[in-house]
Amino acid sequence: MELREIQTFIQAAQLKSFSKAAQALGYSQAAVTIQIKNLEEELGIHLFDRIGKQTILTHQGSIFYNYAISIMKDLSEAKAAVTETEELNGFLTIGTIESICASIFPTLLERFHEQHPNVKISIVLDSPDVLLDRMNKNAIDLVYLLDQRIYDHKWEKVLEEPEDIFFVASAEHPCSKKAAATKNPLELDEILSEHFLLTEKNASYRFVLDRYLAANDKKIDPYLEIGNTEFIINLLKNNAGLSFLPEFSVKNEVTAERLSILPIKDFHMRIWRQILYHKDKWITREMNAFIELAKQIS
């Protein structure tokens, strides 16, 4: 059993795709298939089920995945212990949500790669609950999410920054034009009947909005729900409706006057960007470097 086979297995499990794992590792897809096959033959088990276009772990594969993560963690710790003065060259697995990945991570990861070009990074996209569960199982080093303030004795929080969440529309939308013309905030009731594109219900800021509306005996019935924030923003620019998004995700489009933040009377909602890791996690130099950079550009 070779370490590169274990790393390939981890990438394929996290990305749920042999082709994406090959791209991330710089291998051909055939090489990834061969490495997984060698691993399966040595272990005497079937690691993946490939159903249609999906590649998912079998029950035995899920068990081995936890051990594989532990093996790579132990290796990273051993390497760090004997190469403390050398350039960072380990692995880093970061869990985040789609809106942060699309708007904050490009700059953050580009800067990190410039500073530490030999560190290999894996990004896991999912809902906050799933990411925190995977962090508890040591499958993720750090979680960078957007949620209500999270407090748990199992986790260490190293970043907490407030973010405002707004109703957003095209600058050409009638709601945007009305707010601009009257210089007055809109009433919440007058926008709720508009066509809405929203993130899925398990998205943190969507949940906060739904809870607020329910408490006030109101609701939004979106015609489209999707987890891809960039897709929603593109539709908004085409004047396809309204949405409810964190300010950082639409800041550039608002500055360019392609989108408008809709002022709503007596309505203000805030959520927090947070970075967490498990308190029992051994903090690698790679983790420390990422945390410090994230703080600098947050």
Protein backbone atom coordinates (compact mmCIF):
# COMPACT_ATOMS: atom_id res chain seq x y z
CA MET A 1 0.00 0.00 0.00
CA GLU A 2 1.51 3.30 -1.10
CA LEU A 3 0.85 6.72 0.40
CA ARG A 4 0.05 8.17 -3.02
CA GLU A 5 -2.70 5.57 -3.39
CA ILE A 6 -4.16 6.60 -0.04
CA GLN A 7 -4.03 10.29 -1.01
CA THR A 8 -5.69 9.50 -4.34
CA PHE A 9 -8.40 7.56 -2.52
CA ILE A 10 -9.03 10.51 -0.16
CA GLN A 11 -9.31 12.95 -3.07
CA ALA A 12 -11.73 10.68 -4.95
CA ALA A 13 -13.84 10.23 -1.81
CA GLN A 14 -14.00 13.96 -1.07
CA LEU A 15 -14.63 15.06 -4.64
CA LYS A 16 -16.91 12.07 -5.42
CA SER A 17 -15.28 11.77 -8.80
CA PHE A 18 -12.24 9.97 -10.24
CA SER A 19 -11.86 12.60 -12.97
CA LYS A 20 -11.92 15.51 -10.48
CA ALA A 21 -9.43 13.68 -8.26
CA ALA A 22 -7.15 13.20 -11.26
CA GLN A 23 -7.37 16.90 -12.10
CA ALA A 24 -6.65 17.93 -8.50
CA LEU A 25 -3.63 15.64 -8.24
CA GLY A 26 -2.26 16.15 -11.73
CA TYR A 27 -2.79 12.51 -12.76
CA SER A 28 -4.61 10.99 -15.68
CA GLN A 29 -7.99 9.47 -14.89
CA ALA A 30 -6.58 6.06 -15.86
CA ALA A 31 -3.82 6.47 -13.25
CA VAL A 32 -6.41 7.24 -10.55
CA THR A 33 -8.45 4.18 -11.57
CA ILE A 34 -5.36 1.96 -11.39
CA GLN A 35 -4.35 3.30 -7.97
CA ILE A 36 -7.83 2.74 -6.54
CA LYS A 37 -7.93 -0.75 -8.05
CA ASN A 38 -4.54 -1.59 -6.51
CA LEU A 39 -5.79 -0.38 -3.14
CA GLU A 40 -8.98 -2.42 -3.41
CA GLU A 41 -7.04 -5.57 -4.35
CA GLU A 42 -4.64 -5.15 -1.43
CA LEU A 43 -7.45 -4.50 1.05
CA GLY A 44 -9.70 -7.16 -0.43
CA ILE A 45 -12.72 -4.84 -0.43
CA HIS A 46 -14.74 -2.68 -2.80
CA LEU A 47 -14.16 1.00 -1.94
CA PHE A 48 -16.50 2.80 -4.35
CA ASP A 49 -19.83 2.31 -6.04
CA ARG A 50 -20.14 4.11 -9.37
CA ILE A 51 -23.83 4.73 -10.03
CA GLY A 52 -24.46 6.77 -13.14
CA LYS A 53 -22.23 9.83 -12.89
CA GLN A 54 -21.88 9.55 -9.12
CA THR A 55 -18.94 7.95 -7.33
CA ILE A 56 -19.77 7.19 -3.71
CA LEU A 57 -18.05 5.27 -0.94
CA THR A 58 -19.24 1.80 -0.01
CA HIS A 59 -19.73 0.96 3.67
CA GLN A 60 -16.21 -0.54 3.79
CA GLY A 61 -14.90 2.47 1.89
CA SER A 62 -16.35 4.84 4.51
CA ILE A 63 -14.63 2.90 7.28
CA PHE A 64 -11.30 2.94 5.44
CA TYR A 65 -11.72 6.66 4.69
CA ASN A 66 -11.53 7.56 8.39
CA TYR A 67 -8.34 5.51 8.77
CA ALA A 68 -6.88 7.04 5.60
CA ILE A 69 -7.45 10.54 6.97
CA SER A 70 -5.77 9.53 10.23
CA ILE A 71 -2.80 8.06 8.34
CA MET A 72 -2.24 11.26 6.38
CA LYS A 73 -2.64 13.36 9.53
CA ASP A 74 0.00 11.26 11.34
CA LEU A 75 2.30 11.56 8.33
CA SER A 76 1.85 15.33 8.22
CA GLU A 77 2.65 15.60 11.94
CA ALA A 78 5.74 13.41 11.55
CA LYS A 79 7.01 15.46 8.61
CA ALA A 80 6.39 18.72 10.45
CA ALA A 81 8.27 17.46 13.49
CA VAL A 82 11.46 16.85 11.51
CA THR A 83 11.20 19.68 8.95
CA GLU A 84 10.05 22.58 11.12
CA THR A 85 12.41 25.02 9.46
CA GLU A 86 11.60 23.94 5.90
CA GLU A 87 9.02 25.41 3.54
CA LEU A 88 5.45 24.27 4.09
CA ASN A 89 4.67 21.25 1.91
CA GLY A 90 1.85 19.36 3.61
CA PHE A 91 -1.85 18.88 2.97
CA LEU A 92 -4.81 21.04 4.00
CA THR A 93 -8.47 20.09 3.78
CA ILE A 94 -10.90 22.99 4.19
CA GLY A 95 -14.66 22.73 4.39
CA THR A 96 -16.77 25.69 3.32
CA ILE A 97 -20.07 26.74 1.79
CA GLU A 98 -20.60 27.67 -1.84
CA SER A 99 -21.07 31.43 -1.35
CA ILE A 100 -17.78 31.80 0.52
CA CYS A 101 -15.97 29.55 -1.96
CA ALA A 102 -17.22 31.62 -4.90
CA SER A 103 -16.52 35.08 -3.50
CA ILE A 104 -13.85 34.96 -0.77
CA PHE A 105 -11.77 31.88 -1.56
CA PRO A 106 -10.42 32.88 -4.99
CA THR A 107 -8.37 35.75 -3.53
CA LEU A 108 -7.59 33.92 -0.29
CA LEU A 109 -6.36 30.74 -1.98
CA GLU A 110 -4.45 32.62 -4.67
CA ARG A 111 -2.57 34.54 -1.97
CA PHE A 112 -2.01 31.38 0.06
CA HIS A 113 -0.62 29.55 -2.95
CA GLU A 114 1.73 32.44 -3.70
CA GLN A 115 3.11 32.23 -0.17
CA HIS A 116 3.10 28.42 0.15
CA PRO A 117 3.23 26.91 -3.36
CA ASN A 118 4.02 23.38 -2.15
CA VAL A 119 0.95 22.98 0.06
CA LYS A 120 -1.76 20.82 -1.50
CA ILE A 121 -5.30 21.99 -0.69
CA SER A 122 -8.60 20.15 -0.91
CA ILE A 123 -11.87 22.08 -0.70
CA VAL A 124 -15.03 20.33 0.51
CA LEU A 125 -18.33 22.10 -0.26
CA ASP A 126 -21.43 21.25 1.76
CA SER A 127 -23.94 22.58 4.28
CA PRO A 128 -22.63 23.79 7.66
CA ASP A 129 -24.09 20.79 9.51
CA VAL A 130 -22.39 18.30 7.21
CA LEU A 131 -19.07 20.16 7.33
CA LEU A 132 -19.06 20.32 11.12
CA ASP A 133 -19.88 16.62 11.31
CA ARG A 134 -16.99 15.80 8.99
CA MET A 135 -14.71 18.00 11.07
CA ASN A 136 -15.74 16.03 14.16
CA LYS A 137 -14.69 12.86 12.31
CA ASN A 138 -11.30 14.40 11.45
CA ALA A 139 -12.07 14.37 7.74
CA ILE A 140 -11.66 18.17 7.51
CA ASP A 141 -8.91 20.31 9.06
CA LEU A 142 -10.75 23.63 9.13
CA VAL A 143 -14.30 24.80 8.48
CA TYR A 144 -14.96 28.29 7.09
CA LEU A 145 -18.67 28.96 7.13
CA LEU A 146 -21.40 31.58 7.33
CA ASP A 147 -23.90 30.99 10.10
CA GLN A 148 -25.33 32.24 13.33
CA ARG A 149 -22.72 32.41 16.09
CA ILE A 150 -21.60 28.87 16.82
CA TYR A 151 -20.59 27.81 20.31
CA ASP A 152 -19.50 24.28 21.15
CA HIS A 153 -16.90 23.06 23.65
CA LYS A 154 -15.56 20.63 21.01
CA TRP A 155 -14.48 23.41 18.65
CA GLU A 156 -12.00 26.26 18.64
CA LYS A 157 -13.12 29.42 16.85
CA VAL A 158 -10.32 31.53 15.36
CA LEU A 159 -12.32 33.98 13.24
CA GLU A 160 -15.72 35.61 13.73
CA GLU A 161 -16.68 38.49 11.45
CA PRO A 162 -20.22 39.94 11.07
CA GLU A 163 -21.81 39.97 7.63
CA ASP A 164 -25.02 41.75 6.63
CA ILE A 165 -27.55 39.88 4.51
CA PHE A 166 -29.68 41.85 2.05
CA PHE A 167 -32.47 41.53 -0.45
CA VAL A 168 -30.88 42.03 -3.87
CA ALA A 169 -32.15 42.66 -7.39
CA SER A 170 -30.94 43.89 -10.75
CA ALA A 171 -30.34 47.63 -10.89
CA GLU A 172 -33.02 47.61 -13.62
CA HIS A 173 -35.64 45.83 -11.50
CA PRO A 174 -38.75 47.92 -10.70
CA CYS A 175 -38.08 47.51 -6.96
CA SER A 176 -34.57 48.92 -7.38
CA LYS A 177 -35.84 51.83 -9.46
CA LYS A 178 -38.62 52.62 -7.00
CA ALA A 179 -36.21 52.69 -4.03
CA ALA A 180 -33.80 54.91 -5.97
CA ALA A 181 -36.54 57.27 -7.12
CA THR A 182 -38.29 57.72 -3.77
CA LYS A 183 -35.12 57.61 -1.64
CA ASN A 184 -37.22 55.67 0.86
CA PRO A 185 -36.96 52.07 2.05
CA LEU A 186 -39.45 49.58 0.68
CA GLU A 187 -42.00 47.77 2.79
CA LEU A 188 -41.22 44.10 3.35
CA ASP A 189 -44.73 43.06 2.28
CA GLU A 190 -44.43 44.73 -1.10
CA ILE A 191 -41.43 42.65 -2.17
CA LEU A 192 -42.56 39.25 -0.81
CA SER A 193 -44.88 38.73 -3.79
CA GLU A 194 -42.00 39.22 -6.26
CA HIS A 195 -40.33 36.33 -8.10
CA PHE A 196 -37.57 35.00 -5.85
CA LEU A 197 -34.45 32.90 -6.45
CA LEU A 198 -33.13 31.57 -3.16
CA THR A 199 -30.48 29.26 -1.84
CA GLU A 200 -31.64 25.92 -0.54
CA LYS A 201 -33.39 25.75 2.81
CA ASN A 202 -30.36 24.26 4.59
CA ALA A 203 -28.27 27.33 3.71
CA SER A 204 -27.63 29.26 6.92
CA TYR A 205 -28.90 32.68 5.82
CA ARG A 206 -31.94 31.17 4.08
CA PHE A 207 -32.82 29.42 7.34
CA VAL A 208 -32.49 32.68 9.30
CA LEU A 209 -34.75 34.46 6.80
CA ASP A 210 -37.40 31.73 6.84
CA ARG A 211 -37.43 31.72 10.64
CA TYR A 212 -37.81 35.51 10.77
CA LEU A 213 -40.68 35.47 8.27
CA ALA A 214 -42.46 32.61 10.04
CA ALA A 215 -42.24 34.50 13.34
CA ASN A 216 -44.02 37.41 11.62
CA ASP A 217 -46.59 35.17 9.91
CA LYS A 218 -45.04 35.76 6.48
CA LYS A 219 -43.28 33.60 3.90
CA ILE A 220 -41.50 33.62 0.56
CA ASP A 221 -42.39 31.08 -2.10
CA PRO A 222 -39.36 31.07 -4.46
CA TYR A 223 -39.71 29.83 -8.01
CA LEU A 224 -36.11 28.59 -7.95
CA GLU A 225 -33.96 27.08 -5.19
CA ILE A 226 -30.32 26.27 -5.88
CA GLY A 227 -27.13 26.02 -3.85
CA ASN A 228 -24.99 27.82 -6.42
CA THR A 229 -24.76 31.50 -5.42
CA GLU A 230 -22.91 32.48 -8.60
CA PHE A 231 -25.75 31.04 -10.68
CA ILE A 232 -28.27 33.10 -8.70
CA ILE A 233 -26.21 36.28 -9.17
CA ASN A 234 -26.02 35.72 -12.93
CA LEU A 235 -29.80 35.35 -13.09
CA LEU A 236 -30.27 38.47 -10.98
CA LYS A 237 -28.12 40.44 -13.43
CA ASN A 238 -30.51 39.27 -16.14
CA ASN A 239 -33.37 40.78 -14.11
CA ALA A 240 -34.83 37.36 -13.32
CA GLY A 241 -36.13 38.26 -9.85
CA LEU A 242 -35.01 39.00 -6.31
CA SER A 243 -32.78 37.10 -3.91
CA PHE A 244 -31.44 37.24 -0.35
CA LEU A 245 -27.65 37.10 -0.17
CA PRO A 246 -24.69 38.12 2.01
CA GLU A 247 -23.17 41.47 1.14
CA PHE A 248 -19.70 40.09 0.37
CA SER A 249 -21.09 37.83 -2.36
CA VAL A 250 -22.65 40.72 -4.33
CA LYS A 251 -20.32 43.62 -3.41
CA ASN A 252 -18.53 43.74 -6.77
CA GLU A 253 -21.76 43.64 -8.76
CA VAL A 254 -23.30 46.37 -6.59
CA THR A 255 -20.20 48.55 -7.01
CA ALA A 256 -20.44 48.03 -10.77
CA GLU A 257 -24.12 49.06 -10.55
CA ARG A 258 -25.31 45.81 -12.09
CA LEU A 259 -27.12 44.81 -8.88
CA SER A 260 -28.80 46.86 -6.18
CA ILE A 261 -29.26 46.24 -2.48
CA LEU A 262 -32.91 46.87 -1.64
CA PRO A 263 -33.47 48.94 1.52
CA ILE A 264 -36.29 47.41 3.56
CA LYS A 265 -38.06 49.34 6.32
CA ASP A 266 -37.31 48.07 9.85
CA PHE A 267 -35.41 45.08 8.50
CA HIS A 268 -31.78 44.31 9.26
CA MET A 269 -30.27 40.85 9.31
CA ARG A 270 -26.75 39.83 10.23
CA ILE A 271 -24.84 36.57 10.24
CA TRP A 272 -21.20 35.67 10.96
CA ARG A 273 -18.29 34.34 8.95
CA GLN A 274 -16.47 31.89 11.19
CA ILE A 275 -13.43 29.61 11.03
CA LEU A 276 -13.36 26.65 13.37
CA TYR A 277 -11.32 23.53 14.03
CA HIS A 278 -11.73 20.66 16.48
CA LYS A 279 -10.09 21.30 19.85
CA ASP A 280 -8.44 17.87 19.75
CA LYS A 281 -6.94 18.54 16.32
CA TRP A 282 -3.16 18.77 16.08
CA ILE A 283 -2.61 22.20 14.50
CA THR A 284 -0.28 21.87 11.55
CA ARG A 285 1.85 24.69 10.24
CA GLU A 286 -0.31 24.68 7.13
CA MET A 287 -3.43 25.25 9.24
CA ASN A 288 -1.75 28.07 11.14
CA ALA A 289 -0.62 29.74 7.92
CA PHE A 290 -4.12 29.59 6.43
CA ILE A 291 -5.75 30.93 9.60
CA GLU A 292 -3.36 33.88 9.84
CA LEU A 293 -3.85 34.79 6.18
CA ALA A 294 -7.63 34.49 6.46
CA LYS A 295 -7.57 36.88 9.41
CA GLN A 296 -5.46 39.37 7.47
CA ILE A 297 -7.80 39.58 4.48
CA SER A 298 -11.13 38.96 6.21
